[in-house]
Amino acid sequence: MYNSNGEKISELKPVSLFGELGMLASAKREATAVSEADDTYVETITPEYLEPIFLSCPVKIELILKQLSYRLRVLNIDVINTCKEITETYNKK
């Protein structure tokens, strides 16, 4: 994935998701995915498309929810670790 400056910011693995948080929040797209292999399949899911997916393909919804859950857990860990670092730095003074 590349940011708006054309810098590579991430490399996705098979069966990866990207942009789901922005889609759910109706945020502006901030990255572009570029396929580096000919056999890449990309499926675009819009907010309007979510309800039919919920009804017809719960496996895809489960995948999205697991990805969101994972990202939130990682974010929580990062926030806690940052708070600990700030506290330790402040307490040293």
N, C-alpha and C. Protein backbone atom coordinates (compact mmCIF):
# COMPACT_ATOMS: atom_id res chain seq x y z
N MET A 1 0.84 -1.16 0.00
CA MET A 1 0.00 0.00 0.00
C MET A 1 0.89 1.23 0.00
N TYR A 2 0.42 2.26 -0.65
CA TYR A 2 1.18 3.50 -0.78
C TYR A 2 0.37 4.67 -0.27
N ASN A 3 1.05 5.61 0.39
CA ASN A 3 0.35 6.81 0.86
C ASN A 3 0.23 7.82 -0.28
N SER A 4 -0.34 8.97 0.03
CA SER A 4 -0.57 9.98 -1.01
C SER A 4 0.72 10.57 -1.57
N ASN A 5 1.84 10.38 -0.87
CA ASN A 5 3.15 10.84 -1.37
C ASN A 5 3.84 9.79 -2.22
N GLY A 6 3.18 8.65 -2.42
CA GLY A 6 3.76 7.58 -3.22
C GLY A 6 4.74 6.70 -2.45
N GLU A 7 4.80 6.85 -1.12
CA GLU A 7 5.70 6.04 -0.30
C GLU A 7 5.02 4.74 0.09
N LYS A 8 5.74 3.64 -0.02
CA LYS A 8 5.19 2.35 0.39
C LYS A 8 5.06 2.33 1.90
N ILE A 9 3.85 2.07 2.39
CA ILE A 9 3.60 2.10 3.82
C ILE A 9 3.26 0.73 4.40
N SER A 10 2.94 -0.22 3.54
CA SER A 10 2.55 -1.53 4.04
C SER A 10 2.59 -2.54 2.91
N GLU A 11 2.77 -3.79 3.29
CA GLU A 11 2.68 -4.89 2.33
C GLU A 11 1.65 -5.87 2.87
N LEU A 12 0.63 -6.11 2.10
CA LEU A 12 -0.46 -6.96 2.55
C LEU A 12 -0.17 -8.43 2.28
N LYS A 13 -0.67 -9.25 3.15
CA LYS A 13 -0.56 -10.71 3.02
C LYS A 13 -1.83 -11.23 2.35
N PRO A 14 -1.81 -12.49 1.88
CA PRO A 14 -3.04 -13.06 1.32
C PRO A 14 -4.20 -12.98 2.31
N VAL A 15 -5.37 -12.76 1.80
CA VAL A 15 -6.62 -12.62 2.57
C VAL A 15 -6.51 -11.46 3.56
N SER A 16 -5.97 -10.35 3.10
CA SER A 16 -5.83 -9.16 3.93
C SER A 16 -7.00 -8.22 3.69
N LEU A 17 -7.23 -7.39 4.68
CA LEU A 17 -8.22 -6.32 4.58
C LEU A 17 -7.51 -4.99 4.73
N PHE A 18 -8.03 -3.99 4.07
CA PHE A 18 -7.52 -2.64 4.30
C PHE A 18 -8.65 -1.66 4.04
N GLY A 19 -8.63 -0.55 4.75
CA GLY A 19 -9.62 0.49 4.55
C GLY A 19 -10.94 0.29 5.26
N GLU A 20 -11.06 -0.79 6.05
CA GLU A 20 -12.34 -1.07 6.68
C GLU A 20 -12.70 -0.05 7.75
N LEU A 21 -11.71 0.45 8.48
CA LEU A 21 -12.00 1.46 9.50
C LEU A 21 -12.47 2.76 8.85
N GLY A 22 -11.79 3.15 7.80
CA GLY A 22 -12.19 4.36 7.08
C GLY A 22 -13.57 4.23 6.46
N MET A 23 -13.86 3.06 5.92
CA MET A 23 -15.17 2.85 5.31
C MET A 23 -16.27 2.97 6.35
N LEU A 24 -16.08 2.32 7.49
CA LEU A 24 -17.10 2.37 8.53
C LEU A 24 -17.27 3.77 9.10
N ALA A 25 -16.20 4.55 9.09
CA ALA A 25 -16.25 5.92 9.62
C ALA A 25 -16.53 6.96 8.53
N SER A 26 -16.73 6.50 7.29
CA SER A 26 -16.94 7.41 6.14
C SER A 26 -15.80 8.40 6.00
N ALA A 27 -14.58 7.94 6.25
CA ALA A 27 -13.40 8.79 6.16
C ALA A 27 -12.85 8.80 4.73
N LYS A 28 -12.11 9.84 4.42
CA LYS A 28 -11.46 9.96 3.13
C LYS A 28 -10.40 8.86 2.98
N ARG A 29 -10.29 8.32 1.79
CA ARG A 29 -9.28 7.29 1.52
C ARG A 29 -7.90 7.90 1.65
N GLU A 30 -7.00 7.21 2.35
CA GLU A 30 -5.66 7.74 2.60
C GLU A 30 -4.54 6.90 2.01
N ALA A 31 -4.87 5.78 1.38
CA ALA A 31 -3.84 4.91 0.82
C ALA A 31 -4.37 4.25 -0.45
N THR A 32 -3.44 3.77 -1.25
CA THR A 32 -3.77 3.08 -2.50
C THR A 32 -3.09 1.73 -2.49
N ALA A 33 -3.86 0.70 -2.80
CA ALA A 33 -3.28 -0.64 -2.89
C ALA A 33 -2.87 -0.89 -4.34
N VAL A 34 -1.70 -1.45 -4.51
CA VAL A 34 -1.17 -1.77 -5.84
C VAL A 34 -0.79 -3.24 -5.85
N SER A 35 -1.32 -3.96 -6.82
CA SER A 35 -1.00 -5.39 -6.92
C SER A 35 0.38 -5.58 -7.51
N GLU A 36 1.15 -6.46 -6.87
CA GLU A 36 2.48 -6.79 -7.38
C GLU A 36 2.50 -8.19 -7.99
N ALA A 37 1.32 -8.82 -8.08
CA ALA A 37 1.21 -10.17 -8.66
C ALA A 37 0.01 -10.21 -9.59
N ASP A 38 0.13 -10.96 -10.67
CA ASP A 38 -0.94 -11.04 -11.66
C ASP A 38 -2.18 -11.75 -11.14
N ASP A 39 -2.02 -12.64 -10.18
CA ASP A 39 -3.16 -13.44 -9.72
C ASP A 39 -3.85 -12.85 -8.49
N THR A 40 -3.74 -11.55 -8.29
CA THR A 40 -4.35 -10.89 -7.15
C THR A 40 -5.83 -10.62 -7.42
N TYR A 41 -6.66 -10.91 -6.43
CA TYR A 41 -8.09 -10.64 -6.52
C TYR A 41 -8.43 -9.62 -5.45
N VAL A 42 -9.05 -8.53 -5.86
CA VAL A 42 -9.44 -7.49 -4.92
C VAL A 42 -10.95 -7.35 -4.96
N GLU A 43 -11.54 -7.36 -3.80
CA GLU A 43 -12.98 -7.16 -3.71
C GLU A 43 -13.24 -5.85 -2.99
N THR A 44 -14.03 -5.00 -3.60
CA THR A 44 -14.37 -3.72 -2.99
C THR A 44 -15.69 -3.86 -2.25
N ILE A 45 -15.68 -3.43 -1.01
CA ILE A 45 -16.90 -3.47 -0.20
C ILE A 45 -17.23 -2.05 0.23
N THR A 46 -18.40 -1.60 -0.13
CA THR A 46 -18.87 -0.27 0.24
C THR A 46 -19.84 -0.39 1.41
N PRO A 47 -20.10 0.71 2.12
CA PRO A 47 -21.07 0.64 3.22
C PRO A 47 -22.43 0.11 2.76
N GLU A 48 -22.85 0.49 1.57
CA GLU A 48 -24.15 0.04 1.05
C GLU A 48 -24.16 -1.47 0.79
N TYR A 49 -22.99 -2.03 0.56
CA TYR A 49 -22.85 -3.44 0.24
C TYR A 49 -22.80 -4.31 1.50
N LEU A 50 -22.59 -3.69 2.66
CA LEU A 50 -22.43 -4.47 3.89
C LEU A 50 -23.68 -5.25 4.29
N GLU A 51 -24.85 -4.62 4.22
CA GLU A 51 -26.06 -5.32 4.65
C GLU A 51 -26.30 -6.60 3.86
N PRO A 52 -26.24 -6.56 2.52
CA PRO A 52 -26.40 -7.82 1.78
C PRO A 52 -25.33 -8.86 2.14
N ILE A 53 -24.11 -8.40 2.45
CA ILE A 53 -23.06 -9.34 2.84
C ILE A 53 -23.42 -9.97 4.19
N PHE A 54 -23.92 -9.15 5.12
CA PHE A 54 -24.34 -9.69 6.41
C PHE A 54 -25.34 -10.83 6.21
N LEU A 55 -26.26 -10.62 5.30
CA LEU A 55 -27.32 -11.61 5.09
C LEU A 55 -26.87 -12.81 4.28
N SER A 56 -25.98 -12.60 3.33
CA SER A 56 -25.63 -13.68 2.40
C SER A 56 -24.29 -14.36 2.66
N CYS A 57 -23.39 -13.68 3.32
CA CYS A 57 -22.04 -14.25 3.48
C CYS A 57 -21.44 -13.89 4.83
N PRO A 58 -21.94 -14.51 5.88
CA PRO A 58 -21.44 -14.17 7.22
C PRO A 58 -19.95 -14.43 7.40
N VAL A 59 -19.35 -15.30 6.60
CA VAL A 59 -17.91 -15.57 6.72
C VAL A 59 -17.10 -14.30 6.43
N LYS A 60 -17.53 -13.53 5.43
CA LYS A 60 -16.82 -12.28 5.11
C LYS A 60 -16.97 -11.28 6.25
N ILE A 61 -18.14 -11.19 6.83
CA ILE A 61 -18.37 -10.27 7.95
C ILE A 61 -17.53 -10.70 9.15
N GLU A 62 -17.46 -11.99 9.39
CA GLU A 62 -16.63 -12.50 10.48
C GLU A 62 -15.17 -12.11 10.26
N LEU A 63 -14.68 -12.21 9.04
CA LEU A 63 -13.31 -11.83 8.72
C LEU A 63 -13.08 -10.34 8.99
N ILE A 64 -14.01 -9.51 8.58
CA ILE A 64 -13.90 -8.06 8.82
C ILE A 64 -13.90 -7.78 10.32
N LEU A 65 -14.81 -8.40 11.06
CA LEU A 65 -14.89 -8.17 12.50
C LEU A 65 -13.64 -8.65 13.23
N LYS A 66 -13.09 -9.79 12.81
CA LYS A 66 -11.85 -10.27 13.43
C LYS A 66 -10.71 -9.30 13.17
N GLN A 67 -10.63 -8.76 11.95
CA GLN A 67 -9.58 -7.80 11.62
C GLN A 67 -9.73 -6.53 12.45
N LEU A 68 -10.96 -6.03 12.57
CA LEU A 68 -11.21 -4.84 13.38
C LEU A 68 -10.84 -5.09 14.84
N SER A 69 -11.22 -6.24 15.35
CA SER A 69 -10.89 -6.59 16.73
C SER A 69 -9.39 -6.64 16.94
N TYR A 70 -8.68 -7.26 16.02
CA TYR A 70 -7.22 -7.35 16.12
C TYR A 70 -6.59 -5.95 16.12
N ARG A 71 -7.02 -5.10 15.19
CA ARG A 71 -6.45 -3.75 15.12
C ARG A 71 -6.72 -2.96 16.38
N LEU A 72 -7.91 -3.09 16.95
CA LEU A 72 -8.23 -2.39 18.19
C LEU A 72 -7.39 -2.89 19.35
N ARG A 73 -7.18 -4.21 19.42
CA ARG A 73 -6.32 -4.76 20.49
C ARG A 73 -4.90 -4.23 20.37
N VAL A 74 -4.36 -4.22 19.15
CA VAL A 74 -3.00 -3.71 18.93
C VAL A 74 -2.93 -2.24 19.30
N LEU A 75 -3.93 -1.48 18.91
CA LEU A 75 -3.96 -0.06 19.25
C LEU A 75 -4.00 0.15 20.76
N ASN A 76 -4.81 -0.64 21.45
CA ASN A 76 -4.87 -0.54 22.92
C ASN A 76 -3.52 -0.82 23.55
N ILE A 77 -2.85 -1.85 23.09
CA ILE A 77 -1.53 -2.19 23.62
C ILE A 77 -0.55 -1.04 23.37
N ASP A 78 -0.59 -0.47 22.17
CA ASP A 78 0.29 0.66 21.84
C ASP A 78 0.02 1.85 22.75
N VAL A 79 -1.25 2.16 22.99
CA VAL A 79 -1.60 3.30 23.84
C VAL A 79 -1.13 3.05 25.27
N ILE A 80 -1.36 1.86 25.78
CA ILE A 80 -0.92 1.52 27.15
C ILE A 80 0.59 1.63 27.26
N ASN A 81 1.31 1.08 26.30
CA ASN A 81 2.78 1.15 26.34
C ASN A 81 3.28 2.58 26.25
N THR A 82 2.65 3.40 25.43
CA THR A 82 3.04 4.80 25.32
C THR A 82 2.78 5.53 26.64
N CYS A 83 1.65 5.27 27.25
CA CYS A 83 1.34 5.89 28.54
C CYS A 83 2.36 5.48 29.61
N LYS A 84 2.75 4.21 29.61
CA LYS A 84 3.76 3.74 30.55
C LYS A 84 5.09 4.46 30.32
N GLU A 85 5.49 4.60 29.07
CA GLU A 85 6.75 5.29 28.76
C GLU A 85 6.71 6.74 29.22
N ILE A 86 5.60 7.40 28.98
CA ILE A 86 5.46 8.81 29.40
C ILE A 86 5.53 8.91 30.91
N THR A 87 4.83 8.01 31.59
CA THR A 87 4.83 8.03 33.07
C THR A 87 6.22 7.77 33.61
N GLU A 88 6.92 6.78 33.06
CA GLU A 88 8.27 6.47 33.52
C GLU A 88 9.21 7.63 33.26
N THR A 89 9.10 8.26 32.11
CA THR A 89 9.93 9.41 31.79
C THR A 89 9.65 10.57 32.73
N TYR A 90 8.39 10.83 32.99
CA TYR A 90 7.99 11.92 33.88
C TYR A 90 8.46 11.66 35.31
N ASN A 91 8.35 10.40 35.76
CA ASN A 91 8.73 10.06 37.13
C ASN A 91 10.24 10.09 37.35
N LYS A 92 11.03 10.01 36.30
CA LYS A 92 12.50 10.07 36.42
C LYS A 92 12.98 11.49 36.73
N LYS A 93 12.17 12.46 36.41
CA LYS A 93 12.59 13.85 36.60
C LYS A 93 12.45 14.31 38.02
